Amino acid sequence: IVNTAAFDERNLAKAGYESNPLDDDSLIGYRVIQAPMDELTKEAVKDTGVSGRNVLRSKNFFALGLMAWLFHRPTEPTIEWVEKKFAKKPEVAEANKAAFQAG
């Protein structure tokens, strides 16, 4: 699973790639699921009260939601954990739950 937003020229250069592996068929032997995670996370959390840099902090929960969907895993334990973990920061809990469920 790859965040297509992370495959920009700057990040590819940092990783030592001369070309984008998503475009050059070098990953032909793999099942690659591409998702614009930055964009989808921003959309998922837009009504939760988080803003600025904090919006993309929920991106890992979006990816976790994708994995739960891909492997048919139950979502309730993660939702319960998020509610407990971020009980003192309800806007962060809501953002993380929204991103997870969107994934």
Foldseek 3Di string as FASTA:
>chain_A
DDQVVCQDPVNCVVVPHPDRCVPPCPCVVDDDDYDNLVVLQCVQLVPLPDDDPLSCVLSVLLVVLVVCVVVVHDDVVVLVVLCVVCVVPRSSSSSNVSSNPSD
